[in-house]
Amino acid sequence: MSYATKGLHHIFTHEQNFRIQCVIGFFVFLCSILLPLGTIERIVVVGLILLVLILEICNSVVEQLADILKPRLNYQVKSIKDMMAAAVLIAAIGSLGIGAYIFTPYFIEVFFK
């Protein structure tokens, strides 16, 4: 098994948020295939899914490194972890907004036609 595969396996088995984001990303990707999105829209959707997943991996890495370098109760470690979580949150909220902008016309056409 390659190092990258081992890393993906580790984060998938140990990080609940990553698993949740993978499931949500899968359903969003499925919607992007089933709905008649344009090529650019599909690229944006996939890019946003990847952005959130990559940031979640970075968040987990920074958390583990911070725990190694300083005790869990250290204020600076908590601050670093909070800032990384904020980065993931901002990416997720931004992705939700952009996704809503992209998908809303298609959902309206499919469900209210």
PDB file of N, CA and C in Angstrom:
ATOM      1  N   MET A   1       0.850  -1.173   0.000  1.00  0.00           N
ATOM      2  CA  MET A   1       0.000   0.000   0.000  1.00  0.00           C
ATOM      3  C   MET A   1       0.898   1.240   0.000  1.00  0.00           C
ATOM      4  N   SER A   2       0.606   2.196  -0.854  1.00  0.00           N
ATOM      5  CA  SER A   2       1.437   3.392  -0.931  1.00  0.00           C
ATOM      6  C   SER A   2       1.212   4.299   0.278  1.00  0.00           C
ATOM      7  N   TYR A   3       2.131   5.216   0.475  1.00  0.00           N
ATOM      8  CA  TYR A   3       2.014   6.148   1.597  1.00  0.00           C
ATOM      9  C   TYR A   3       0.728   6.969   1.509  1.00  0.00           C
ATOM     10  N   ALA A   4       0.400   7.419   0.307  1.00  0.00           N
ATOM     11  CA  ALA A   4      -0.815   8.227   0.137  1.00  0.00           C
ATOM     12  C   ALA A   4      -2.063   7.415   0.461  1.00  0.00           C
ATOM     13  N   THR A   5      -2.086   6.172   0.031  1.00  0.00           N
ATOM     14  CA  THR A   5      -3.229   5.313   0.317  1.00  0.00           C
ATOM     15  C   THR A   5      -3.343   5.056   1.812  1.00  0.00           C
ATOM     16  N   LYS A   6      -2.203   4.835   2.459  1.00  0.00           N
ATOM     17  CA  LYS A   6      -2.208   4.649   3.912  1.00  0.00           C
ATOM     18  C   LYS A   6      -2.720   5.902   4.615  1.00  0.00           C
ATOM     19  N   GLY A   7      -2.315   7.066   4.116  1.00  0.00           N
ATOM     20  CA  GLY A   7      -2.775   8.320   4.702  1.00  0.00           C
ATOM     21  C   GLY A   7      -4.270   8.504   4.547  1.00  0.00           C
ATOM     22  N   LEU A   8      -4.785   8.206   3.362  1.00  0.00           N
ATOM     23  CA  LEU A   8      -6.231   8.301   3.148  1.00  0.00           C
ATOM     24  C   LEU A   8      -6.981   7.310   4.024  1.00  0.00           C
ATOM     25  N   HIS A   9      -6.450   6.105   4.129  1.00  0.00           N
ATOM     26  CA  HIS A   9      -7.091   5.099   4.979  1.00  0.00           C
ATOM     27  C   HIS A   9      -7.107   5.570   6.433  1.00  0.00           C
ATOM     28  N   HIS A  10      -6.001   6.130   6.883  1.00  0.00           N
ATOM     29  CA  HIS A  10      -5.905   6.603   8.274  1.00  0.00           C
ATOM     30  C   HIS A  10      -6.918   7.713   8.544  1.00  0.00           C
ATOM     31  N   ILE A  11      -6.955   8.703   7.676  1.00  0.00           N
ATOM     32  CA  ILE A  11      -7.862   9.819   7.940  1.00  0.00           C
ATOM     33  C   ILE A  11      -9.315   9.380   7.826  1.00  0.00           C
ATOM     34  N   PHE A  12      -9.597   8.464   6.899  1.00  0.00           N
ATOM     35  CA  PHE A  12     -10.967   8.004   6.752  1.00  0.00           C
ATOM     36  C   PHE A  12     -11.415   7.189   7.965  1.00  0.00           C
ATOM     37  N   THR A  13     -10.525   6.400   8.531  1.00  0.00           N
ATOM     38  CA  THR A  13     -10.907   5.562   9.664  1.00  0.00           C
ATOM     39  C   THR A  13     -10.878   6.303  10.993  1.00  0.00           C
ATOM     40  N   HIS A  14     -10.091   7.389  11.089  1.00  0.00           N
ATOM     41  CA  HIS A  14      -9.923   8.064  12.375  1.00  0.00           C
ATOM     42  C   HIS A  14     -10.618   9.417  12.489  1.00  0.00           C
ATOM     43  N   GLU A  15     -11.067   9.982  11.394  1.00  0.00           N
ATOM     44  CA  GLU A  15     -11.655  11.330  11.434  1.00  0.00           C
ATOM     45  C   GLU A  15     -13.105  11.302  10.969  1.00  0.00           C
ATOM     46  N   GLN A  16     -14.025  11.439  11.913  1.00  0.00           N
ATOM     47  CA  GLN A  16     -15.452  11.393  11.602  1.00  0.00           C
ATOM     48  C   GLN A  16     -15.863  12.518  10.659  1.00  0.00           C
ATOM     49  N   ASN A  17     -15.338  13.728  10.866  1.00  0.00           N
ATOM     50  CA  ASN A  17     -15.717  14.848   9.994  1.00  0.00           C
ATOM     51  C   ASN A  17     -15.332  14.578   8.548  1.00  0.00           C
ATOM     52  N   PHE A  18     -14.179  13.950   8.341  1.00  0.00           N
ATOM     53  CA  PHE A  18     -13.753  13.626   6.981  1.00  0.00           C
ATOM     54  C   PHE A  18     -14.727  12.648   6.337  1.00  0.00           C
ATOM     55  N   ARG A  19     -15.157  11.641   7.087  1.00  0.00           N
ATOM     56  CA  ARG A  19     -16.122  10.665   6.556  1.00  0.00           C
ATOM     57  C   ARG A  19     -17.443  11.357   6.204  1.00  0.00           C
ATOM     58  N   ILE A  20     -17.913  12.227   7.081  1.00  0.00           N
ATOM     59  CA  ILE A  20     -19.158  12.960   6.822  1.00  0.00           C
ATOM     60  C   ILE A  20     -19.014  13.812   5.562  1.00  0.00           C
ATOM     61  N   GLN A  21     -17.894  14.502   5.436  1.00  0.00           N
ATOM     62  CA  GLN A  21     -17.671  15.353   4.269  1.00  0.00           C
ATOM     63  C   GLN A  21     -17.539  14.531   2.987  1.00  0.00           C
ATOM     64  N   CYS A  22     -16.975  13.333   3.094  1.00  0.00           N
ATOM     65  CA  CYS A  22     -16.903  12.438   1.924  1.00  0.00           C
ATOM     66  C   CYS A  22     -18.297  12.020   1.478  1.00  0.00           C
ATOM     67  N   VAL A  23     -19.150  11.678   2.424  1.00  0.00           N
ATOM     68  CA  VAL A  23     -20.521  11.264   2.081  1.00  0.00           C
ATOM     69  C   VAL A  23     -21.275  12.426   1.436  1.00  0.00           C
ATOM     70  N   ILE A  24     -21.188  13.591   2.040  1.00  0.00           N
ATOM     71  CA  ILE A  24     -21.858  14.767   1.466  1.00  0.00           C
ATOM     72  C   ILE A  24     -21.286  15.068   0.078  1.00  0.00           C
ATOM     73  N   GLY A  25     -19.964  15.029  -0.035  1.00  0.00           N
ATOM     74  CA  GLY A  25     -19.317  15.273  -1.324  1.00  0.00           C
ATOM     75  C   GLY A  25     -19.755  14.278  -2.383  1.00  0.00           C
ATOM     76  N   PHE A  26     -19.918  13.012  -1.994  1.00  0.00           N
ATOM     77  CA  PHE A  26     -20.374  11.992  -2.934  1.00  0.00           C
ATOM     78  C   PHE A  26     -21.765  12.334  -3.464  1.00  0.00           C
ATOM     79  N   PHE A  27     -22.682  12.711  -2.563  1.00  0.00           N
ATOM     80  CA  PHE A  27     -24.037  13.034  -3.005  1.00  0.00           C
ATOM     81  C   PHE A  27     -24.081  14.300  -3.858  1.00  0.00           C
ATOM     82  N   VAL A  28     -23.256  15.273  -3.522  1.00  0.00           N
ATOM     83  CA  VAL A  28     -23.188  16.485  -4.342  1.00  0.00           C
ATOM     84  C   VAL A  28     -22.629  16.139  -5.721  1.00  0.00           C
ATOM     85  N   PHE A  29     -21.590  15.308  -5.754  1.00  0.00           N
ATOM     86  CA  PHE A  29     -21.027  14.877  -7.031  1.00  0.00           C
ATOM     87  C   PHE A  29     -22.064  14.117  -7.853  1.00  0.00           C
ATOM     88  N   LEU A  30     -22.810  13.243  -7.191  1.00  0.00           N
ATOM     89  CA  LEU A  30     -23.865  12.484  -7.865  1.00  0.00           C
ATOM     90  C   LEU A  30     -24.909  13.430  -8.465  1.00  0.00           C
ATOM     91  N   CYS A  31     -25.291  14.447  -7.706  1.00  0.00           N
ATOM     92  CA  CYS A  31     -26.243  15.442  -8.235  1.00  0.00           C
ATOM     93  C   CYS A  31     -25.656  16.166  -9.444  1.00  0.00           C
ATOM     94  N   SER A  32     -24.362  16.440  -9.408  1.00  0.00           N
ATOM     95  CA  SER A  32     -23.735  17.146 -10.530  1.00  0.00           C
ATOM     96  C   SER A  32     -23.710  16.287 -11.787  1.00  0.00           C
ATOM     97  N   ILE A  33     -23.730  14.965 -11.608  1.00  0.00           N
ATOM     98  CA  ILE A  33     -23.778  14.072 -12.765  1.00  0.00           C
ATOM     99  C   ILE A  33     -25.209  13.918 -13.271  1.00  0.00           C
ATOM    100  N   LEU A  34     -26.156  13.795 -12.338  1.00  0.00           N
ATOM    101  CA  LEU A  34     -27.549  13.545 -12.717  1.00  0.00           C
ATOM    102  C   LEU A  34     -28.244  14.770 -13.293  1.00  0.00           C
ATOM    103  N   LEU A  35     -27.864  15.940 -12.826  1.00  0.00           N
ATOM    104  CA  LEU A  35     -28.473  17.166 -13.339  1.00  0.00           C
ATOM    105  C   LEU A  35     -27.682  17.662 -14.549  1.00  0.00           C
ATOM    106  N   PRO A  36     -28.334  18.386 -15.445  1.00  0.00           N
ATOM    107  CA  PRO A  36     -27.658  18.822 -16.680  1.00  0.00           C
ATOM    108  C   PRO A  36     -26.763  20.051 -16.472  1.00  0.00           C
ATOM    109  N   LEU A  37     -25.793  19.935 -15.566  1.00  0.00           N
ATOM    110  CA  LEU A  37     -24.865  21.040 -15.329  1.00  0.00           C
ATOM    111  C   LEU A  37     -23.922  21.195 -16.517  1.00  0.00           C
ATOM    112  N   GLY A  38     -23.440  22.402 -16.688  1.00  0.00           N
ATOM    113  CA  GLY A  38     -22.431  22.651 -17.712  1.00  0.00           C
ATOM    114  C   GLY A  38     -21.065  22.160 -17.236  1.00  0.00           C
ATOM    115  N   THR A  39     -20.130  22.098 -18.146  1.00  0.00           N
ATOM    116  CA  THR A  39     -18.782  21.608 -17.828  1.00  0.00           C
ATOM    117  C   THR A  39     -18.117  22.454 -16.755  1.00  0.00           C
ATOM    118  N   ILE A  40     -18.190  23.758 -16.896  1.00  0.00           N
ATOM    119  CA  ILE A  40     -17.562  24.652 -15.915  1.00  0.00           C
ATOM    120  C   ILE A  40     -18.213  24.475 -14.549  1.00  0.00           C
ATOM    121  N   GLU A  41     -19.521  24.346 -14.520  1.00  0.00           N
ATOM    122  CA  GLU A  41     -20.221  24.149 -13.253  1.00  0.00           C
ATOM    123  C   GLU A  41     -19.773  22.849 -12.582  1.00  0.00           C
ATOM    124  N   ARG A  42     -19.623  21.797 -13.356  1.00  0.00           N
ATOM    125  CA  ARG A  42     -19.150  20.522 -12.793  1.00  0.00           C
ATOM    126  C   ARG A  42     -17.728  20.652 -12.251  1.00  0.00           C
ATOM    127  N   ILE A  43     -16.893  21.352 -12.987  1.00  0.00           N
ATOM    128  CA  ILE A  43     -15.511  21.557 -12.544  1.00  0.00           C
ATOM    129  C   ILE A  43     -15.496  22.326 -11.225  1.00  0.00           C
ATOM    130  N   VAL A  44     -16.319  23.347 -11.116  1.00  0.00           N
ATOM    131  CA  VAL A  44     -16.394  24.132  -9.883  1.00  0.00           C
ATOM    132  C   VAL A  44     -16.876  23.262  -8.724  1.00  0.00           C
ATOM    133  N   VAL A  45     -17.896  22.463  -8.956  1.00  0.00           N
ATOM    134  CA  VAL A  45     -18.433  21.594  -7.901  1.00  0.00           C
ATOM    135  C   VAL A  45     -17.361  20.617  -7.421  1.00  0.00           C
ATOM    136  N   VAL A  46     -16.691  19.954  -8.341  1.00  0.00           N
ATOM    137  CA  VAL A  46     -15.641  18.996  -7.962  1.00  0.00           C
ATOM    138  C   VAL A  46     -14.500  19.720  -7.246  1.00  0.00           C
ATOM    139  N   GLY A  47     -14.133  20.888  -7.741  1.00  0.00           N
ATOM    140  CA  GLY A  47     -13.076  21.668  -7.099  1.00  0.00           C
ATOM    141  C   GLY A  47     -13.422  22.050  -5.671  1.00  0.00           C
ATOM    142  N   LEU A  48     -14.667  22.428  -5.441  1.00  0.00           N
ATOM    143  CA  LEU A  48     -15.093  22.788  -4.083  1.00  0.00           C
ATOM    144  C   LEU A  48     -15.113  21.577  -3.157  1.00  0.00           C
ATOM    145  N   ILE A  49     -15.570  20.438  -3.678  1.00  0.00           N
ATOM    146  CA  ILE A  49     -15.543  19.216  -2.866  1.00  0.00           C
ATOM    147  C   ILE A  49     -14.102  18.901  -2.463  1.00  0.00           C
ATOM    148  N   LEU A  50     -13.206  18.945  -3.428  1.00  0.00           N
ATOM    149  CA  LEU A  50     -11.797  18.651  -3.145  1.00  0.00           C
ATOM    150  C   LEU A  50     -11.197  19.668  -2.177  1.00  0.00           C
ATOM    151  N   LEU A  51     -11.554  20.936  -2.325  1.00  0.00           N
ATOM    152  CA  LEU A  51     -11.046  21.971  -1.427  1.00  0.00           C
ATOM    153  C   LEU A  51     -11.409  21.674   0.023  1.00  0.00           C
ATOM    154  N   VAL A  52     -12.664  21.348   0.265  1.00  0.00           N
ATOM    155  CA  VAL A  52     -13.109  21.063   1.635  1.00  0.00           C
ATOM    156  C   VAL A  52     -12.404  19.822   2.178  1.00  0.00           C
ATOM    157  N   LEU A  53     -12.307  18.770   1.369  1.00  0.00           N
ATOM    158  CA  LEU A  53     -11.645  17.542   1.836  1.00  0.00           C
ATOM    159  C   LEU A  53     -10.160  17.772   2.114  1.00  0.00           C
ATOM    160  N   ILE A  54      -9.483  18.513   1.244  1.00  0.00           N
ATOM    161  CA  ILE A  54      -8.063  18.797   1.445  1.00  0.00           C
ATOM    162  C   ILE A  54      -7.856  19.640   2.695  1.00  0.00           C
ATOM    163  N   LEU A  55      -8.705  20.636   2.902  1.00  0.00           N
ATOM    164  CA  LEU A  55      -8.586  21.452   4.112  1.00  0.00           C
ATOM    165  C   LEU A  55      -8.843  20.631   5.371  1.00  0.00           C
ATOM    166  N   GLU A  56      -9.762  19.680   5.300  1.00  0.00           N
ATOM    167  CA  GLU A  56     -10.014  18.819   6.455  1.00  0.00           C
ATOM    168  C   GLU A  56      -8.793  17.950   6.752  1.00  0.00           C
ATOM    169  N   ILE A  57      -8.129  17.465   5.715  1.00  0.00           N
ATOM    170  CA  ILE A  57      -6.898  16.698   5.919  1.00  0.00           C
ATOM    171  C   ILE A  57      -5.833  17.593   6.548  1.00  0.00           C
ATOM    172  N   CYS A  58      -5.671  18.800   6.024  1.00  0.00           N
ATOM    173  CA  CYS A  58      -4.693  19.744   6.600  1.00  0.00           C
ATOM    174  C   CYS A  58      -5.020  20.046   8.057  1.00  0.00           C
ATOM    175  N   ASN A  59      -6.295  20.218   8.359  1.00  0.00           N
ATOM    176  CA  ASN A  59      -6.730  20.469   9.729  1.00  0.00           C
ATOM    177  C   ASN A  59      -6.309  19.321  10.640  1.00  0.00           C
ATOM    178  N   SER A  60      -6.526  18.093  10.199  1.00  0.00           N
ATOM    179  CA  SER A  60      -6.160  16.929  11.006  1.00  0.00           C
ATOM    180  C   SER A  60      -4.650  16.844  11.206  1.00  0.00           C
ATOM    181  N   VAL A  61      -3.900  17.141  10.158  1.00  0.00           N
ATOM    182  CA  VAL A  61      -2.434  17.112  10.254  1.00  0.00           C
ATOM    183  C   VAL A  61      -1.943  18.154  11.247  1.00  0.00           C
ATOM    184  N   VAL A  62      -2.456  19.365  11.139  1.00  0.00           N
ATOM    185  CA  VAL A  62      -2.029  20.436  12.049  1.00  0.00           C
ATOM    186  C   VAL A  62      -2.402  20.089  13.488  1.00  0.00           C
ATOM    187  N   GLU A  63      -3.589  19.522  13.694  1.00  0.00           N
ATOM    188  CA  GLU A  63      -3.994  19.128  15.051  1.00  0.00           C
ATOM    189  C   GLU A  63      -3.039  18.090  15.630  1.00  0.00           C
ATOM    190  N   GLN A  64      -2.686  17.093  14.840  1.00  0.00           N
ATOM    191  CA  GLN A  64      -1.774  16.065  15.343  1.00  0.00           C
ATOM    192  C   GLN A  64      -0.384  16.623  15.615  1.00  0.00           C
ATOM    193  N   LEU A  65       0.105  17.477  14.730  1.00  0.00           N
ATOM    194  CA  LEU A  65       1.414  18.104  14.956  1.00  0.00           C
ATOM    195  C   LEU A  65       1.402  18.985  16.201  1.00  0.00           C
ATOM    196  N   ALA A  66       0.350  19.741  16.370  1.00  0.00           N
ATOM    197  CA  ALA A  66       0.248  20.610  17.547  1.00  0.00           C
ATOM    198  C   ALA A  66       0.220  19.784  18.828  1.00  0.00           C
ATOM    199  N   ASP A  67      -0.477  18.654  18.806  1.00  0.00           N
ATOM    200  CA  ASP A  67      -0.525  17.787  19.988  1.00  0.00           C
ATOM    201  C   ASP A  67       0.850  17.195  20.309  1.00  0.00           C
ATOM    202  N   ILE A  68       1.636  16.920  19.283  1.00  0.00           N
ATOM    203  CA  ILE A  68       2.979  16.390  19.511  1.00  0.00           C
ATOM    204  C   ILE A  68       3.884  17.461  20.115  1.00  0.00           C
ATOM    205  N   LEU A  69       3.777  18.680  19.595  1.00  0.00           N
ATOM    206  CA  LEU A  69       4.680  19.747  20.017  1.00  0.00           C
ATOM    207  C   LEU A  69       4.334  20.345  21.370  1.00  0.00           C
ATOM    208  N   LYS A  70       3.066  20.439  21.682  1.00  0.00           N
ATOM    209  CA  LYS A  70       2.622  21.070  22.932  1.00  0.00           C
ATOM    210  C   LYS A  70       1.490  20.251  23.539  1.00  0.00           C
ATOM    211  N   PRO A  71       1.326  20.356  24.842  1.00  0.00           N
ATOM    212  CA  PRO A  71       0.195  19.656  25.470  1.00  0.00           C
ATOM    213  C   PRO A  71      -1.146  20.166  24.946  1.00  0.00           C
ATOM    214  N   ARG A  72      -2.157  19.320  25.011  1.00  0.00           N
ATOM    215  CA  ARG A  72      -3.492  19.653  24.501  1.00  0.00           C
ATOM    216  C   ARG A  72      -4.086  20.904  25.144  1.00  0.00           C
ATOM    217  N   LEU A  73      -3.757  21.175  26.385  1.00  0.00           N
ATOM    218  CA  LEU A  73      -4.394  22.279  27.085  1.00  0.00           C
ATOM    219  C   LEU A  73      -3.692  23.620  26.901  1.00  0.00           C
ATOM    220  N   ASN A  74      -2.657  23.646  26.111  1.00  0.00           N
ATOM    221  CA  ASN A  74      -1.940  24.879  25.849  1.00  0.00           C
ATOM    222  C   ASN A  74      -2.820  25.834  25.043  1.00  0.00           C
ATOM    223  N   TYR A  75      -2.849  27.113  25.438  1.00  0.00           N
ATOM    224  CA  TYR A  75      -3.707  28.101  24.778  1.00  0.00           C
ATOM    225  C   TYR A  75      -3.347  28.257  23.302  1.00  0.00           C
ATOM    226  N   GLN A  76      -2.062  28.282  22.985  1.00  0.00           N
ATOM    227  CA  GLN A  76      -1.653  28.472  21.594  1.00  0.00           C
ATOM    228  C   GLN A  76      -2.049  27.288  20.719  1.00  0.00           C
ATOM    229  N   VAL A  77      -1.967  26.085  21.265  1.00  0.00           N
ATOM    230  CA  VAL A  77      -2.393  24.901  20.519  1.00  0.00           C
ATOM    231  C   VAL A  77      -3.889  24.987  20.248  1.00  0.00           C
ATOM    232  N   LYS A  78      -4.652  25.367  21.256  1.00  0.00           N
ATOM    233  CA  LYS A  78      -6.096  25.512  21.075  1.00  0.00           C
ATOM    234  C   LYS A  78      -6.397  26.559  20.012  1.00  0.00           C
ATOM    235  N   SER A  79      -5.679  27.661  20.041  1.00  0.00           N
ATOM    236  CA  SER A  79      -5.882  28.729  19.077  1.00  0.00           C
ATOM    237  C   SER A  79      -5.572  28.255  17.648  1.00  0.00           C
ATOM    238  N   ILE A  80      -4.487  27.510  17.482  1.00  0.00           N
ATOM    239  CA  ILE A  80      -4.117  26.982  16.165  1.00  0.00           C
ATOM    240  C   ILE A  80      -5.194  26.028  15.659  1.00  0.00           C
ATOM    241  N   LYS A  81      -5.650  25.142  16.534  1.00  0.00           N
ATOM    242  CA  LYS A  81      -6.683  24.190  16.147  1.00  0.00           C
ATOM    243  C   LYS A  81      -7.984  24.907  15.775  1.00  0.00           C
ATOM    244  N   ASP A  82      -8.330  25.924  16.535  1.00  0.00           N
ATOM    245  CA  ASP A  82      -9.541  26.692  16.253  1.00  0.00           C
ATOM    246  C   ASP A  82      -9.442  27.396  14.903  1.00  0.00           C
ATOM    247  N   MET A  83      -8.267  27.941  14.596  1.00  0.00           N
ATOM    248  CA  MET A  83      -8.092  28.641  13.323  1.00  0.00           C
ATOM    249  C   MET A  83      -8.174  27.676  12.143  1.00  0.00           C
ATOM    250  N   MET A  84      -7.610  26.487  12.290  1.00  0.00           N
ATOM    251  CA  MET A  84      -7.713  25.500  11.218  1.00  0.00           C
ATOM    252  C   MET A  84      -9.161  25.050  11.035  1.00  0.00           C
ATOM    253  N   ALA A  85      -9.862  24.855  12.145  1.00  0.00           N
ATOM    254  CA  ALA A  85     -11.276  24.490  12.053  1.00  0.00           C
ATOM    255  C   ALA A  85     -12.064  25.604  11.375  1.00  0.00           C
ATOM    256  N   ALA A  86     -11.692  26.850  11.650  1.00  0.00           N
ATOM    257  CA  ALA A  86     -12.359  27.989  11.016  1.00  0.00           C
ATOM    258  C   ALA A  86     -12.119  27.988   9.509  1.00  0.00           C
ATOM    259  N   ALA A  87     -10.917  27.614   9.085  1.00  0.00           N
ATOM    260  CA  ALA A  87     -10.621  27.549   7.650  1.00  0.00           C
ATOM    261  C   ALA A  87     -11.514  26.515   6.967  1.00  0.00           C
ATOM    262  N   VAL A  88     -11.674  25.363   7.597  1.00  0.00           N
ATOM    263  CA  VAL A  88     -12.544  24.320   7.041  1.00  0.00           C
ATOM    264  C   VAL A  88     -13.994  24.815   7.013  1.00  0.00           C
ATOM    265  N   LEU A  89     -14.413  25.460   8.096  1.00  0.00           N
ATOM    266  CA  LEU A  89     -15.785  25.974   8.170  1.00  0.00           C
ATOM    267  C   LEU A  89     -16.054  27.008   7.085  1.00  0.00           C
ATOM    268  N   ILE A  90     -15.129  27.929   6.883  1.00  0.00           N
ATOM    269  CA  ILE A  90     -15.299  28.954   5.848  1.00  0.00           C
ATOM    270  C   ILE A  90     -15.381  28.310   4.466  1.00  0.00           C
ATOM    271  N   ALA A  91     -14.522  27.326   4.213  1.00  0.00           N
ATOM    272  CA  ALA A  91     -14.561  26.625   2.921  1.00  0.00           C
ATOM    273  C   ALA A  91     -15.882  25.888   2.742  1.00  0.00           C
ATOM    274  N   ALA A  92     -16.362  25.251   3.805  1.00  0.00           N
ATOM    275  CA  ALA A  92     -17.620  24.506   3.720  1.00  0.00           C
ATOM    276  C   ALA A  92     -18.801  25.445   3.492  1.00  0.00           C
ATOM    277  N   ILE A  93     -18.847  26.545   4.228  1.00  0.00           N
ATOM    278  CA  ILE A  93     -19.947  27.510   4.060  1.00  0.00           C
ATOM    279  C   ILE A  93     -19.885  28.155   2.681  1.00  0.00           C
ATOM    280  N   GLY A  94     -18.681  28.523   2.251  1.00  0.00           N
ATOM    281  CA  GLY A  94     -18.533  29.093   0.904  1.00  0.00           C
ATOM    282  C   GLY A  94     -18.943  28.106  -0.170  1.00  0.00           C
ATOM    283  N   SER A  95     -18.565  26.841   0.010  1.00  0.00           N
ATOM    284  CA  SER A  95     -18.949  25.804  -0.947  1.00  0.00           C
ATOM    285  C   SER A  95     -20.453  25.606  -0.972  1.00  0.00           C
ATOM    286  N   LEU A  96     -21.060  25.659   0.197  1.00  0.00           N
ATOM    287  CA  LEU A  96     -22.524  25.542   0.281  1.00  0.00           C
ATOM    288  C   LEU A  96     -23.192  26.675  -0.480  1.00  0.00           C
ATOM    289  N   GLY A  97     -22.707  27.881  -0.294  1.00  0.00           N
ATOM    290  CA  GLY A  97     -23.287  29.034  -0.991  1.00  0.00           C
ATOM    291  C   GLY A  97     -23.119  28.943  -2.499  1.00  0.00           C
ATOM    292  N   ILE A  98     -21.916  28.594  -2.936  1.00  0.00           N
ATOM    293  CA  ILE A  98     -21.669  28.470  -4.376  1.00  0.00           C
ATOM    294  C   ILE A  98     -22.472  27.302  -4.945  1.00  0.00           C
ATOM    295  N   GLY A  99     -22.521  26.199  -4.192  1.00  0.00           N
ATOM    296  CA  GLY A  99     -23.315  25.045  -4.628  1.00  0.00           C
ATOM    297  C   GLY A  99     -24.786  25.393  -4.753  1.00  0.00           C
ATOM    298  N   ALA A 100     -25.303  26.144  -3.802  1.00  0.00           N
ATOM    299  CA  ALA A 100     -26.704  26.567  -3.867  1.00  0.00           C
ATOM    300  C   ALA A 100     -26.940  27.437  -5.095  1.00  0.00           C
ATOM    301  N   TYR A 101     -25.991  28.321  -5.383  1.00  0.00           N
ATOM    302  CA  TYR A 101     -26.107  29.187  -6.559  1.00  0.00           C
ATOM    303  C   TYR A 101     -26.109  28.368  -7.843  1.00  0.00           C
ATOM    304  N   ILE A 102     -25.269  27.337  -7.902  1.00  0.00           N
ATOM    305  CA  ILE A 102     -25.178  26.504  -9.105  1.00  0.00           C
ATOM    306  C   ILE A 102     -26.391  25.584  -9.238  1.00  0.00           C
ATOM    307  N   PHE A 103     -26.770  24.911  -8.137  1.00  0.00           N
ATOM    308  CA  PHE A 103     -27.795  23.872  -8.212  1.00  0.00           C
ATOM    309  C   PHE A 103     -29.233  24.390  -8.191  1.00  0.00           C
ATOM    310  N   THR A 104     -29.497  25.526  -7.575  1.00  0.00           N
ATOM    311  CA  THR A 104     -30.869  25.999  -7.407  1.00  0.00           C
ATOM    312  C   THR A 104     -31.666  26.058  -8.709  1.00  0.00           C
ATOM    313  N   PRO A 105     -31.147  26.641  -9.778  1.00  0.00           N
ATOM    314  CA  PRO A 105     -31.956  26.670 -11.011  1.00  0.00           C
ATOM    315  C   PRO A 105     -32.310  25.271 -11.524  1.00  0.00           C
ATOM    316  N   TYR A 106     -31.394  24.319 -11.379  1.00  0.00           N
ATOM    317  CA  TYR A 106     -31.651  22.958 -11.853  1.00  0.00           C
ATOM    318  C   TYR A 106     -32.675  22.251 -10.966  1.00  0.00           C
ATOM    319  N   PHE A 107     -32.569  22.463  -9.643  1.00  0.00           N
ATOM    320  CA  PHE A 107     -33.550  21.863  -8.736  1.00  0.00           C
ATOM    321  C   PHE A 107     -34.936  22.462  -8.971  1.00  0.00           C
ATOM    322  N   ILE A 108     -35.001  23.749  -9.203  1.00  0.00           N
ATOM    323  CA  ILE A 108     -36.280  24.393  -9.480  1.00  0.00           C
ATOM    324  C   ILE A 108     -36.881  23.820 -10.761  1.00  0.00           C
ATOM    325  N   GLU A 109     -36.047  23.658 -11.779  1.00  0.00           N
ATOM    326  CA  GLU A 109     -36.521  23.113 -13.056  1.00  0.00           C
ATOM    327  C   GLU A 109     -37.017  21.672 -12.907  1.00  0.00           C
ATOM    328  N   VAL A 110     -36.299  20.861 -12.133  1.00  0.00           N
ATOM    329  CA  VAL A 110     -36.658  19.449 -11.979  1.00  0.00           C
ATOM    330  C   VAL A 110     -37.873  19.271 -11.078  1.00  0.00           C
ATOM    331  N   PHE A 111     -37.910  19.967  -9.958  1.00  0.00           N
ATOM    332  CA  PHE A 111     -38.955  19.706  -8.955  1.00  0.00           C
ATOM    333  C   PHE A 111     -40.205  20.578  -9.095  1.00  0.00           C
ATOM    334  N   PHE A 112     -40.106  21.711  -9.776  1.00  0.00           N
ATOM    335  CA  PHE A 112     -41.254  22.609  -9.856  1.00  0.00           C
ATOM    336  C   PHE A 112     -41.727  22.835 -11.286  1.00  0.00           C
ATOM    337  N   LYS A 113     -41.380  21.942 -12.166  1.00  0.00           N
ATOM    338  CA  LYS A 113     -41.797  22.095 -13.538  1.00  0.00           C
ATOM    339  C   LYS A 113     -43.085  21.371 -13.800  1.00  0.00           C
TER     340      LYS A 113
END
